[in-house]
PDB file of N, CA and C in Angstrom:
ATOM      1  N   MET A   1       0.962  -1.101  -0.055  1.00  0.00           N
ATOM      2  CA  MET A   1      -0.109   0.331   0.398  1.00  0.00           C
ATOM      3  C   MET A   1       0.706   1.453  -0.464  1.00  0.00           C
ATOM      4  N   PRO A   2       0.654   1.766  -0.796  1.00  0.00           N
ATOM      5  CA  PRO A   2       1.880   3.236  -0.708  1.00  0.00           C
ATOM      6  C   PRO A   2       1.304   4.208  -0.049  1.00  0.00           C
ATOM      7  N   SER A   3       2.617   4.676   1.052  1.00  0.00           N
ATOM      8  CA  SER A   3       1.804   5.486   1.980  1.00  0.00           C
ATOM      9  C   SER A   3       1.806   7.030   0.814  1.00  0.00           C
ATOM     10  N   ALA A   4       0.872   8.101   1.811  1.00  0.00           N
ATOM     11  CA  ALA A   4       0.522   9.464   1.502  1.00  0.00           C
ATOM     12  C   ALA A   4       1.831  10.350   1.993  1.00  0.00           C
ATOM     13  N   GLY A   5       3.221  10.027   2.429  1.00  0.00           N
ATOM     14  CA  GLY A   5       4.338  10.641   2.517  1.00  0.00           C
ATOM     15  C   GLY A   5       4.359  12.045   1.983  1.00  0.00           C
ATOM     16  N   ALA A   6       5.640  13.094   2.130  1.00  0.00           N
ATOM     17  CA  ALA A   6       6.281  13.819   1.696  1.00  0.00           C
ATOM     18  C   ALA A   6       6.697  13.750   0.229  1.00  0.00           C
ATOM     19  N   GLY A   7       7.486  11.882   0.504  1.00  0.00           N
ATOM     20  CA  GLY A   7       8.168  12.330  -1.003  1.00  0.00           C
ATOM     21  C   GLY A   7       6.673  11.769  -2.189  1.00  0.00           C
ATOM     22  N   SER A   8       5.891  10.989  -1.931  1.00  0.00           N
ATOM     23  CA  SER A   8       4.923  10.422  -3.272  1.00  0.00           C
ATOM     24  C   SER A   8       3.777  11.995  -3.494  1.00  0.00           C
ATOM     25  N   ALA A   9       4.532  12.311  -4.002  1.00  0.00           N
ATOM     26  CA  ALA A   9       3.391  13.023  -4.325  1.00  0.00           C
ATOM     27  C   ALA A   9       2.578  13.662  -5.404  1.00  0.00           C
ATOM     28  N   THR A  10       1.282  13.272  -5.867  1.00  0.00           N
ATOM     29  CA  THR A  10       0.485  12.435  -7.334  1.00  0.00           C
ATOM     30  C   THR A  10      -0.317  13.837  -7.259  1.00  0.00           C
ATOM     31  N   TRP A  11      -0.208  14.794  -7.068  1.00  0.00           N
ATOM     32  CA  TRP A  11      -1.383  15.265  -7.008  1.00  0.00           C
ATOM     33  C   TRP A  11      -0.500  16.850  -7.297  1.00  0.00           C
ATOM     34  N   ALA A  12      -1.137  17.330  -9.011  1.00  0.00           N
ATOM     35  CA  ALA A  12      -0.627  18.539  -9.588  1.00  0.00           C
ATOM     36  C   ALA A  12      -0.980  19.547  -9.697  1.00  0.00           C
ATOM     37  N   ALA A  13      -0.786  20.934  -9.473  1.00  0.00           N
ATOM     38  CA  ALA A  13      -1.477  21.815  -9.337  1.00  0.00           C
ATOM     39  C   ALA A  13      -1.775  22.637 -10.890  1.00  0.00           C
ATOM     40  N   PRO A  14      -3.182  22.767 -11.393  1.00  0.00           N
ATOM     41  CA  PRO A  14      -2.894  23.233 -12.703  1.00  0.00           C
ATOM     42  C   PRO A  14      -2.377  24.313 -12.835  1.00  0.00           C
ATOM     43  N   ASN A  15      -2.176  24.458 -14.456  1.00  0.00           N
ATOM     44  CA  ASN A  15      -1.278  25.595 -14.766  1.00  0.00           C
ATOM     45  C   ASN A  15      -3.023  26.273 -15.285  1.00  0.00           C
ATOM     46  N   ASN A  16      -2.368  27.764 -14.897  1.00  0.00           N
ATOM     47  CA  ASN A  16      -3.182  28.531 -14.788  1.00  0.00           C
ATOM     48  C   ASN A  16      -3.088  28.843 -16.589  1.00  0.00           C
ATOM     49  N   SER A  17      -1.914  29.201 -17.085  1.00  0.00           N
ATOM     50  CA  SER A  17      -1.372  29.697 -18.117  1.00  0.00           C
ATOM     51  C   SER A  17      -1.984  29.686 -19.808  1.00  0.00           C
ATOM     52  N   THR A  18      -2.872  28.070 -19.246  1.00  0.00           N
ATOM     53  CA  THR A  18      -3.625  28.210 -20.523  1.00  0.00           C
ATOM     54  C   THR A  18      -4.967  28.445 -20.676  1.00  0.00           C
ATOM     55  N   ALA A  19      -5.700  28.981 -19.553  1.00  0.00           N
ATOM     56  CA  ALA A  19      -6.894  28.906 -19.600  1.00  0.00           C
ATOM     57  C   ALA A  19      -7.682  29.291 -20.320  1.00  0.00           C
ATOM     58  N   THR A  20      -8.204  29.190 -21.622  1.00  0.00           N
ATOM     59  CA  THR A  20      -9.452  30.474 -22.364  1.00  0.00           C
ATOM     60  C   THR A  20     -10.163  30.924 -22.027  1.00  0.00           C
ATOM     61  N   SER A  21     -11.061  30.763 -20.649  1.00  0.00           N
ATOM     62  CA  SER A  21     -12.392  31.139 -20.499  1.00  0.00           C
ATOM     63  C   SER A  21     -11.583  32.144 -19.251  1.00  0.00           C
ATOM     64  N   ARG A  22     -12.532  33.217 -19.467  1.00  0.00           N
ATOM     65  CA  ARG A  22     -12.439  34.186 -18.509  1.00  0.00           C
ATOM     66  C   ARG A  22     -12.845  34.250 -17.721  1.00  0.00           C
ATOM     67  N   GLU A  23     -12.039  35.738 -17.455  1.00  0.00           N
ATOM     68  CA  GLU A  23     -11.675  35.389 -15.508  1.00  0.00           C
ATOM     69  C   GLU A  23     -12.929  36.094 -14.390  1.00  0.00           C
ATOM     70  N   PRO A  24     -14.138  35.374 -14.044  1.00  0.00           N
ATOM     71  CA  PRO A  24     -14.514  36.635 -13.229  1.00  0.00           C
ATOM     72  C   PRO A  24     -14.466  37.766 -12.816  1.00  0.00           C
ATOM     73  N   SER A  25     -15.295  39.150 -12.912  1.00  0.00           N
ATOM     74  CA  SER A  25     -14.784  39.846 -12.855  1.00  0.00           C
ATOM     75  C   SER A  25     -15.213  40.812 -11.184  1.00  0.00           C
ATOM     76  N   SER A  26     -15.688  39.846 -10.472  1.00  0.00           N
ATOM     77  CA  SER A  26     -15.803  40.110  -9.194  1.00  0.00           C
ATOM     78  C   SER A  26     -15.745  38.270  -8.379  1.00  0.00           C
ATOM     79  N   PRO A  27     -15.195  38.430  -7.519  1.00  0.00           N
ATOM     80  CA  PRO A  27     -14.934  36.870  -6.647  1.00  0.00           C
ATOM     81  C   PRO A  27     -16.538  36.621  -7.113  1.00  0.00           C
ATOM     82  N   GLY A  28     -16.802  34.984  -6.808  1.00  0.00           N
ATOM     83  CA  GLY A  28     -18.030  34.653  -6.703  1.00  0.00           C
ATOM     84  C   GLY A  28     -18.937  34.717  -7.645  1.00  0.00           C
ATOM     85  N   THR A  29     -19.071  35.739  -8.275  1.00  0.00           N
ATOM     86  CA  THR A  29     -19.857  36.045  -9.696  1.00  0.00           C
ATOM     87  C   THR A  29     -19.166  35.844 -11.390  1.00  0.00           C
ATOM     88  N   PHE A  30     -20.057  35.118 -12.115  1.00  0.00           N
ATOM     89  CA  PHE A  30     -19.338  34.038 -13.159  1.00  0.00           C
ATOM     90  C   PHE A  30     -20.079  35.604 -14.092  1.00  0.00           C
ATOM     91  N   PRO A  31     -19.847  35.208 -15.250  1.00  0.00           N
ATOM     92  CA  PRO A  31     -19.673  36.896 -16.553  1.00  0.00           C
ATOM     93  C   PRO A  31     -21.556  35.722 -16.837  1.00  0.00           C
ATOM     94  N   ARG A  32     -21.767  34.545 -17.259  1.00  0.00           N
ATOM     95  CA  ARG A  32     -23.507  34.084 -17.421  1.00  0.00           C
ATOM     96  C   ARG A  32     -24.402  34.218 -15.884  1.00  0.00           C
ATOM     97  N   ALA A  33     -24.315  34.440 -14.853  1.00  0.00           N
ATOM     98  CA  ALA A  33     -24.850  34.574 -13.943  1.00  0.00           C
ATOM     99  C   ALA A  33     -25.711  36.188 -14.122  1.00  0.00           C
ATOM    100  N   ARG A  34     -24.354  37.016 -13.795  1.00  0.00           N
ATOM    101  CA  ARG A  34     -24.206  38.312 -14.192  1.00  0.00           C
ATOM    102  C   ARG A  34     -25.368  38.448 -14.867  1.00  0.00           C
ATOM    103  N   ARG A  35     -24.942  38.168 -16.101  1.00  0.00           N
ATOM    104  CA  ARG A  35     -26.201  38.351 -17.073  1.00  0.00           C
ATOM    105  C   ARG A  35     -27.492  37.939 -17.102  1.00  0.00           C
ATOM    106  N   ARG A  36     -27.712  37.177 -16.100  1.00  0.00           N
ATOM    107  CA  ARG A  36     -29.286  36.587 -15.685  1.00  0.00           C
ATOM    108  C   ARG A  36     -29.426  37.478 -14.709  1.00  0.00           C
ATOM    109  N   TRP A  37     -28.700  37.931 -14.198  1.00  0.00           N
ATOM    110  CA  TRP A  37     -28.841  39.068 -12.887  1.00  0.00           C
ATOM    111  C   TRP A  37     -29.809  40.522 -13.940  1.00  0.00           C
ATOM    112  N   ARG A  38     -29.061  40.561 -14.767  1.00  0.00           N
ATOM    113  CA  ARG A  38     -29.572  41.744 -15.656  1.00  0.00           C
ATOM    114  C   ARG A  38     -30.673  41.512 -15.663  1.00  0.00           C
ATOM    115  N   VAL A  39     -30.798  40.817 -16.564  1.00  0.00           N
ATOM    116  CA  VAL A  39     -32.666  39.957 -17.200  1.00  0.00           C
ATOM    117  C   VAL A  39     -32.895  40.205 -16.176  1.00  0.00           C
ATOM    118  N   ARG A  40     -33.473  39.718 -14.994  1.00  0.00           N
ATOM    119  CA  ARG A  40     -33.982  39.562 -14.086  1.00  0.00           C
ATOM    120  C   ARG A  40     -34.292  40.835 -13.268  1.00  0.00           C
ATOM    121  N   VAL A  41     -33.677  41.661 -12.970  1.00  0.00           N
ATOM    122  CA  VAL A  41     -34.206  42.571 -12.308  1.00  0.00           C
ATOM    123  C   VAL A  41     -35.256  43.076 -12.927  1.00  0.00           C
ATOM    124  N   PRO A  42     -35.012  44.013 -13.847  1.00  0.00           N
ATOM    125  CA  PRO A  42     -35.723  44.608 -14.653  1.00  0.00           C
ATOM    126  C   PRO A  42     -37.567  43.842 -14.927  1.00  0.00           C
ATOM    127  N   ALA A  43     -36.995  42.443 -15.576  1.00  0.00           N
ATOM    128  CA  ALA A  43     -38.537  41.948 -16.026  1.00  0.00           C
ATOM    129  C   ALA A  43     -38.852  42.199 -14.765  1.00  0.00           C
ATOM    130  N   SER A  44     -38.432  41.459 -13.239  1.00  0.00           N
ATOM    131  CA  SER A  44     -38.687  41.344 -11.818  1.00  0.00           C
ATOM    132  C   SER A  44     -39.798  43.234 -11.402  1.00  0.00           C
ATOM    133  N   PHE A  45     -38.988  43.695 -11.777  1.00  0.00           N
ATOM    134  CA  PHE A  45     -40.010  45.404 -12.046  1.00  0.00           C
ATOM    135  C   PHE A  45     -40.900  45.338 -12.582  1.00  0.00           C
ATOM    136  N   VAL A  46     -40.910  45.223 -13.668  1.00  0.00           N
ATOM    137  CA  VAL A  46     -42.315  45.408 -14.770  1.00  0.00           C
ATOM    138  C   VAL A  46     -43.352  44.129 -13.899  1.00  0.00           C
ATOM    139  N   LEU A  47     -43.027  43.238 -13.960  1.00  0.00           N
ATOM    140  CA  LEU A  47     -44.122  42.556 -13.347  1.00  0.00           C
ATOM    141  C   LEU A  47     -43.945  43.264 -11.751  1.00  0.00           C
ATOM    142  N   VAL A  48     -43.851  43.457 -11.575  1.00  0.00           N
ATOM    143  CA  VAL A  48     -44.387  44.046  -9.756  1.00  0.00           C
ATOM    144  C   VAL A  48     -45.233  45.140  -9.813  1.00  0.00           C
ATOM    145  N   LEU A  49     -44.754  46.204 -11.791  1.00  0.00           N
ATOM    146  CA  LEU A  49     -45.776  46.879 -11.415  1.00  0.00           C
ATOM    147  C   LEU A  49     -47.004  47.364 -11.968  1.00  0.00           C
ATOM    148  N   LEU A  50     -46.794  45.643 -12.678  1.00  0.00           N
ATOM    149  CA  LEU A  50     -48.406  45.745 -13.361  1.00  0.00           C
ATOM    150  C   LEU A  50     -48.724  44.850 -12.232  1.00  0.00           C
ATOM    151  N   ALA A  51     -48.447  44.316 -11.611  1.00  0.00           N
ATOM    152  CA  ALA A  51     -49.731  43.780 -10.374  1.00  0.00           C
ATOM    153  C   ALA A  51     -49.935  45.088  -9.733  1.00  0.00           C
ATOM    154  N   ALA A  52     -48.958  45.794  -9.562  1.00  0.00           N
ATOM    155  CA  ALA A  52     -49.778  46.783  -8.661  1.00  0.00           C
ATOM    156  C   ALA A  52     -50.747  47.632  -9.387  1.00  0.00           C
ATOM    157  N   VAL A  53     -50.674  48.299 -10.597  1.00  0.00           N
ATOM    158  CA  VAL A  53     -51.345  49.077 -11.855  1.00  0.00           C
ATOM    159  C   VAL A  53     -52.521  48.670 -11.922  1.00  0.00           C
ATOM    160  N   GLY A  54     -52.681  47.162 -11.564  1.00  0.00           N
ATOM    161  CA  GLY A  54     -53.721  45.695 -11.554  1.00  0.00           C
ATOM    162  C   GLY A  54     -54.608  46.183 -10.227  1.00  0.00           C
ATOM    163  N   ALA A  55     -53.600  46.273  -8.807  1.00  0.00           N
ATOM    164  CA  ALA A  55     -54.949  45.767  -7.382  1.00  0.00           C
ATOM    165  C   ALA A  55     -55.311  47.664  -8.226  1.00  0.00           C
ATOM    166  N   VAL A  56     -54.732  48.628  -7.894  1.00  0.00           N
ATOM    167  CA  VAL A  56     -55.473  50.056  -8.043  1.00  0.00           C
ATOM    168  C   VAL A  56     -56.109  49.913  -8.788  1.00  0.00           C
ATOM    169  N   VAL A  57     -56.236  48.801 -10.315  1.00  0.00           N
ATOM    170  CA  VAL A  57     -57.602  49.303 -11.149  1.00  0.00           C
ATOM    171  C   VAL A  57     -58.855  48.273 -10.485  1.00  0.00           C
ATOM    172  N   VAL A  58     -58.526  47.275  -9.803  1.00  0.00           N
ATOM    173  CA  VAL A  58     -59.489  46.360  -9.614  1.00  0.00           C
ATOM    174  C   VAL A  58     -59.995  47.838  -7.731  1.00  0.00           C
ATOM    175  N   GLY A  59     -59.318  47.797  -7.466  1.00  0.00           N
ATOM    176  CA  GLY A  59     -59.209  48.442  -5.917  1.00  0.00           C
ATOM    177  C   GLY A  59     -60.919  49.561  -6.932  1.00  0.00           C
ATOM    178  N   LEU A  60     -60.314  50.153  -8.391  1.00  0.00           N
ATOM    179  CA  LEU A  60     -61.720  50.868  -8.469  1.00  0.00           C
ATOM    180  C   LEU A  60     -62.332  50.665  -8.995  1.00  0.00           C
ATOM    181  N   LEU A  61     -61.814  49.385  -9.186  1.00  0.00           N
ATOM    182  CA  LEU A  61     -64.020  49.042 -10.152  1.00  0.00           C
ATOM    183  C   LEU A  61     -64.861  48.023  -8.876  1.00  0.00           C
ATOM    184  N   VAL A  62     -63.993  47.356  -7.631  1.00  0.00           N
ATOM    185  CA  VAL A  62     -64.386  46.801  -6.853  1.00  0.00           C
ATOM    186  C   VAL A  62     -65.363  47.876  -5.281  1.00  0.00           C
ATOM    187  N   GLY A  63     -67.053  47.647  -5.549  1.00  0.00           N
ATOM    188  CA  GLY A  63     -67.644  48.380  -4.441  1.00  0.00           C
ATOM    189  C   GLY A  63     -69.128  47.718  -4.378  1.00  0.00           C
ATOM    190  N   PRO A  64     -69.889  48.678  -3.874  1.00  0.00           N
ATOM    191  CA  PRO A  64     -71.318  48.105  -3.749  1.00  0.00           C
ATOM    192  C   PRO A  64     -71.962  48.527  -4.460  1.00  0.00           C
ATOM    193  N   ALA A  65     -71.814  49.646  -5.520  1.00  0.00           N
ATOM    194  CA  ALA A  65     -72.294  50.593  -6.834  1.00  0.00           C
ATOM    195  C   ALA A  65     -71.631  49.247  -8.402  1.00  0.00           C
ATOM    196  N   HIS A  66     -71.762  49.230  -8.904  1.00  0.00           N
ATOM    197  CA  HIS A  66     -71.505  49.048 -10.166  1.00  0.00           C
ATOM    198  C   HIS A  66     -71.032  50.169 -11.160  1.00  0.00           C
ATOM    199  N   ILE A  67     -69.914  49.934 -10.896  1.00  0.00           N
ATOM    200  CA  ILE A  67     -69.063  51.228 -12.033  1.00  0.00           C
ATOM    201  C   ILE A  67     -68.975  50.948 -13.429  1.00  0.00           C
ATOM    202  N   SER A  68     -68.781  51.179 -14.470  1.00  0.00           N
ATOM    203  CA  SER A  68     -68.071  50.591 -15.171  1.00  0.00           C
ATOM    204  C   SER A  68     -65.773  51.062 -15.670  1.00  0.00           C
ATOM    205  N   VAL A  69     -65.597  50.507 -16.423  1.00  0.00           N
ATOM    206  CA  VAL A  69     -63.832  51.426 -16.203  1.00  0.00           C
ATOM    207  C   VAL A  69     -64.208  52.677 -17.591  1.00  0.00           C
ATOM    208  N   VAL A  70     -65.414  51.980 -18.111  1.00  0.00           N
ATOM    209  CA  VAL A  70     -65.950  53.050 -18.843  1.00  0.00           C
ATOM    210  C   VAL A  70     -66.019  54.778 -18.248  1.00  0.00           C
ATOM    211  N   ASP A  71     -66.817  54.598 -16.906  1.00  0.00           N
ATOM    212  CA  ASP A  71     -67.034  55.453 -15.989  1.00  0.00           C
ATOM    213  C   ASP A  71     -65.869  55.955 -14.830  1.00  0.00           C
ATOM    214  N   VAL A  72     -65.000  54.849 -14.322  1.00  0.00           N
ATOM    215  CA  VAL A  72     -63.931  55.215 -13.607  1.00  0.00           C
ATOM    216  C   VAL A  72     -63.396  56.250 -14.438  1.00  0.00           C
ATOM    217  N   VAL A  73     -62.538  54.915 -15.954  1.00  0.00           N
ATOM    218  CA  VAL A  73     -61.722  56.371 -16.281  1.00  0.00           C
ATOM    219  C   VAL A  73     -62.378  57.379 -16.754  1.00  0.00           C
ATOM    220  N   GLY A  74     -63.297  58.346 -16.901  1.00  0.00           N
ATOM    221  CA  GLY A  74     -64.260  59.358 -17.686  1.00  0.00           C
ATOM    222  C   GLY A  74     -64.260  59.959 -16.142  1.00  0.00           C
ATOM    223  N   ALA A  75     -64.072  59.784 -15.122  1.00  0.00           N
ATOM    224  CA  ALA A  75     -64.480  60.479 -13.841  1.00  0.00           C
ATOM    225  C   ALA A  75     -62.757  61.137 -13.012  1.00  0.00           C
ATOM    226  N   LEU A  76     -62.133  59.964 -13.783  1.00  0.00           N
ATOM    227  CA  LEU A  76     -60.221  60.558 -13.636  1.00  0.00           C
ATOM    228  C   LEU A  76     -60.450  61.563 -14.080  1.00  0.00           C
ATOM    229  N   GLY A  77     -60.857  61.231 -15.135  1.00  0.00           N
ATOM    230  CA  GLY A  77     -60.393  62.511 -16.637  1.00  0.00           C
ATOM    231  C   GLY A  77     -61.231  63.472 -15.954  1.00  0.00           C
ATOM    232  N   ARG A  78     -62.498  63.690 -15.941  1.00  0.00           N
ATOM    233  CA  ARG A  78     -62.846  65.162 -15.343  1.00  0.00           C
ATOM    234  C   ARG A  78     -61.877  65.026 -14.622  1.00  0.00           C
ATOM    235  N   ARG A  79     -61.780  64.359 -13.561  1.00  0.00           N
ATOM    236  CA  ARG A  79     -60.920  65.192 -11.950  1.00  0.00           C
ATOM    237  C   ARG A  79     -60.385  65.612 -12.327  1.00  0.00           C
ATOM    238  N   LEU A  80     -59.381  65.792 -13.091  1.00  0.00           N
ATOM    239  CA  LEU A  80     -57.926  65.771 -13.448  1.00  0.00           C
ATOM    240  C   LEU A  80     -57.677  67.062 -14.349  1.00  0.00           C
ATOM    241  N   SER A  81     -59.416  67.676 -14.987  1.00  0.00           N
ATOM    242  CA  SER A  81     -59.295  68.280 -16.337  1.00  0.00           C
ATOM    243  C   SER A  81     -59.915  69.666 -15.291  1.00  0.00           C
ATOM    244  N   GLY A  82     -60.446  69.665 -14.830  1.00  0.00           N
ATOM    245  CA  GLY A  82     -61.299  70.822 -13.635  1.00  0.00           C
ATOM    246  C   GLY A  82     -61.952  70.452 -12.863  1.00  0.00           C
ATOM    247  N   PRO A  83     -62.698  71.302 -12.714  1.00  0.00           N
ATOM    248  CA  PRO A  83     -63.739  71.145 -11.217  1.00  0.00           C
ATOM    249  C   PRO A  83     -65.556  69.893 -11.857  1.00  0.00           C
ATOM    250  N   VAL A  84     -64.967  69.408 -10.901  1.00  0.00           N
ATOM    251  CA  VAL A  84     -66.395  67.687 -10.995  1.00  0.00           C
ATOM    252  C   VAL A  84     -67.764  68.122 -10.716  1.00  0.00           C
ATOM    253  N   ASP A  85     -68.622  68.106 -10.987  1.00  0.00           N
ATOM    254  CA  ASP A  85     -69.881  68.351 -11.127  1.00  0.00           C
ATOM    255  C   ASP A  85     -70.872  67.262 -10.133  1.00  0.00           C
ATOM    256  N   VAL A  86     -70.962  68.277  -8.962  1.00  0.00           N
ATOM    257  CA  VAL A  86     -71.189  67.371  -7.897  1.00  0.00           C
ATOM    258  C   VAL A  86     -72.514  66.167  -8.087  1.00  0.00           C
ATOM    259  N   THR A  87     -73.475  66.339  -8.681  1.00  0.00           N
ATOM    260  CA  THR A  87     -74.607  65.958  -9.141  1.00  0.00           C
ATOM    261  C   THR A  87     -74.144  64.305  -9.596  1.00  0.00           C
ATOM    262  N   ARG A  88     -73.355  64.401 -10.871  1.00  0.00           N
ATOM    263  CA  ARG A  88     -72.514  62.876 -11.036  1.00  0.00           C
ATOM    264  C   ARG A  88     -71.728  61.856 -10.136  1.00  0.00           C
ATOM    265  N   TRP A  89     -72.748  61.971  -9.534  1.00  0.00           N
ATOM    266  CA  TRP A  89     -72.674  60.224  -8.051  1.00  0.00           C
ATOM    267  C   TRP A  89     -71.792  58.977  -8.846  1.00  0.00           C
ATOM    268  N   ARG A  90     -71.658  58.988 -10.010  1.00  0.00           N
ATOM    269  CA  ARG A  90     -70.550  58.003  -9.410  1.00  0.00           C
ATOM    270  C   ARG A  90     -69.118  58.261 -10.007  1.00  0.00           C
ATOM    271  N   ASP A  91     -69.104  60.251 -10.372  1.00  0.00           N
ATOM    272  CA  ASP A  91     -67.647  60.550 -10.280  1.00  0.00           C
ATOM    273  C   ASP A  91     -67.550  60.728  -8.769  1.00  0.00           C
ATOM    274  N   THR A  92     -68.473  61.877  -8.226  1.00  0.00           N
ATOM    275  CA  THR A  92     -68.085  61.921  -6.551  1.00  0.00           C
ATOM    276  C   THR A  92     -67.136  59.558  -5.832  1.00  0.00           C
ATOM    277  N   ALA A  93     -68.700  58.603  -6.436  1.00  0.00           N
ATOM    278  CA  ALA A  93     -68.079  57.167  -5.662  1.00  0.00           C
ATOM    279  C   ALA A  93     -66.839  57.045  -6.208  1.00  0.00           C
ATOM    280  N   VAL A  94     -66.320  57.392  -7.398  1.00  0.00           N
ATOM    281  CA  VAL A  94     -65.095  56.917  -8.011  1.00  0.00           C
ATOM    282  C   VAL A  94     -64.033  58.362  -6.912  1.00  0.00           C
ATOM    283  N   VAL A  95     -64.155  59.571  -6.851  1.00  0.00           N
ATOM    284  CA  VAL A  95     -62.480  60.502  -6.577  1.00  0.00           C
ATOM    285  C   VAL A  95     -62.822  60.361  -5.083  1.00  0.00           C
ATOM    286  N   GLU A  96     -64.011  59.978  -4.452  1.00  0.00           N
ATOM    287  CA  GLU A  96     -63.793  60.554  -3.285  1.00  0.00           C
ATOM    288  C   GLU A  96     -64.385  59.363  -1.883  1.00  0.00           C
ATOM    289  N   VAL A  97     -64.877  58.008  -2.382  1.00  0.00           N
ATOM    290  CA  VAL A  97     -64.358  57.304  -2.132  1.00  0.00           C
ATOM    291  C   VAL A  97     -63.279  55.884  -2.234  1.00  0.00           C
ATOM    292  N   ARG A  98     -64.138  55.727  -3.160  1.00  0.00           N
ATOM    293  CA  ARG A  98     -62.786  54.345  -4.090  1.00  0.00           C
ATOM    294  C   ARG A  98     -61.074  54.680  -4.144  1.00  0.00           C
ATOM    295  N   LEU A  99     -61.242  55.772  -4.824  1.00  0.00           N
ATOM    296  CA  LEU A  99     -59.415  56.602  -4.710  1.00  0.00           C
ATOM    297  C   LEU A  99     -58.863  56.476  -3.582  1.00  0.00           C
ATOM    298  N   PRO A 100     -59.442  57.429  -2.894  1.00  0.00           N
ATOM    299  CA  PRO A 100     -59.041  57.689  -1.372  1.00  0.00           C
ATOM    300  C   PRO A 100     -58.208  55.986  -0.774  1.00  0.00           C
ATOM    301  N   ARG A 101     -60.097  55.005  -0.768  1.00  0.00           N
ATOM    302  CA  ARG A 101     -59.452  53.666  -0.021  1.00  0.00           C
ATOM    303  C   ARG A 101     -57.978  52.762  -0.730  1.00  0.00           C
ATOM    304  N   VAL A 102     -58.500  53.016  -1.797  1.00  0.00           N
ATOM    305  CA  VAL A 102     -57.192  52.054  -2.995  1.00  0.00           C
ATOM    306  C   VAL A 102     -55.635  52.864  -2.524  1.00  0.00           C
ATOM    307  N   LEU A 103     -56.069  53.887  -2.741  1.00  0.00           N
ATOM    308  CA  LEU A 103     -54.381  54.771  -2.051  1.00  0.00           C
ATOM    309  C   LEU A 103     -54.044  54.568  -0.829  1.00  0.00           C
ATOM    310  N   VAL A 104     -55.274  54.699   0.091  1.00  0.00           N
ATOM    311  CA  VAL A 104     -54.208  53.995   1.783  1.00  0.00           C
ATOM    312  C   VAL A 104     -53.926  53.182   1.540  1.00  0.00           C
ATOM    313  N   GLY A 105     -54.456  52.003   1.473  1.00  0.00           N
ATOM    314  CA  GLY A 105     -54.889  50.871   1.338  1.00  0.00           C
ATOM    315  C   GLY A 105     -53.201  50.478   0.675  1.00  0.00           C
ATOM    316  N   PHE A 106     -52.799  51.264  -0.565  1.00  0.00           N
ATOM    317  CA  PHE A 106     -51.922  50.937  -1.745  1.00  0.00           C
ATOM    318  C   PHE A 106     -50.198  51.521  -0.741  1.00  0.00           C
ATOM    319  N   VAL A 107     -50.141  52.019  -0.120  1.00  0.00           N
ATOM    320  CA  VAL A 107     -49.143  52.939   0.641  1.00  0.00           C
ATOM    321  C   VAL A 107     -49.542  51.791   2.341  1.00  0.00           C
ATOM    322  N   ALA A 108     -50.869  51.720   3.361  1.00  0.00           N
ATOM    323  CA  ALA A 108     -50.327  50.908   4.023  1.00  0.00           C
ATOM    324  C   ALA A 108     -49.532  49.511   3.772  1.00  0.00           C
ATOM    325  N   GLY A 109     -49.942  48.696   2.902  1.00  0.00           N
ATOM    326  CA  GLY A 109     -49.641  47.468   2.383  1.00  0.00           C
ATOM    327  C   GLY A 109     -48.027  47.931   1.910  1.00  0.00           C
ATOM    328  N   GLY A 110     -47.622  48.836   1.577  1.00  0.00           N
ATOM    329  CA  GLY A 110     -46.103  49.082   0.824  1.00  0.00           C
ATOM    330  C   GLY A 110     -45.421  49.453   2.398  1.00  0.00           C
ATOM    331  N   ALA A 111     -46.226  49.655   3.519  1.00  0.00           N
ATOM    332  CA  ALA A 111     -45.319  50.497   4.616  1.00  0.00           C
ATOM    333  C   ALA A 111     -45.574  49.025   5.148  1.00  0.00           C
ATOM    334  N   ILE A 112     -46.083  47.811   5.195  1.00  0.00           N
ATOM    335  CA  ILE A 112     -46.448  47.570   6.213  1.00  0.00           C
ATOM    336  C   ILE A 112     -44.942  45.959   5.373  1.00  0.00           C
ATOM    337  N   GLY A 113     -44.912  46.083   4.181  1.00  0.00           N
ATOM    338  CA  GLY A 113     -44.144  45.439   3.150  1.00  0.00           C
ATOM    339  C   GLY A 113     -43.133  45.410   3.399  1.00  0.00           C
ATOM    340  N   SER A 114     -42.459  46.718   3.588  1.00  0.00           N
ATOM    341  CA  SER A 114     -41.248  47.306   3.501  1.00  0.00           C
ATOM    342  C   SER A 114     -40.892  47.201   5.473  1.00  0.00           C
ATOM    343  N   GLU A 115     -41.560  46.457   6.174  1.00  0.00           N
ATOM    344  CA  GLU A 115     -40.741  46.084   7.345  1.00  0.00           C
ATOM    345  C   GLU A 115     -39.730  45.468   7.376  1.00  0.00           C
ATOM    346  N   PRO A 116     -38.631  45.071   7.607  1.00  0.00           N
ATOM    347  CA  PRO A 116     -37.553  44.070   8.769  1.00  0.00           C
ATOM    348  C   PRO A 116     -37.580  43.131   9.093  1.00  0.00           C
TER     349      PRO A 116
END
């Protein structure tokens, strides 16, 4: 049985002079992993942004009174363009009730989600 003494070295150090692959730019990170990271972050951001916009839209549409998407968009457009006619109950329901409810829920959810 061969002994593992100092004189019987069978292990050889790798020769780095003939390496053809690129060295990683930072320790522990390889170029392919960094490329995937560069794609995943914007894609994740877009998905989260779409989910947030979808939640706001659903929050504006849901309530005891049925108000269509066209009425919600019209109420928001009229509110942004100038004074609102208070006799339009749909505009009042969207701008005075549903929009504040959705915005407070959105901010409160964001505050709860950002807790460490």
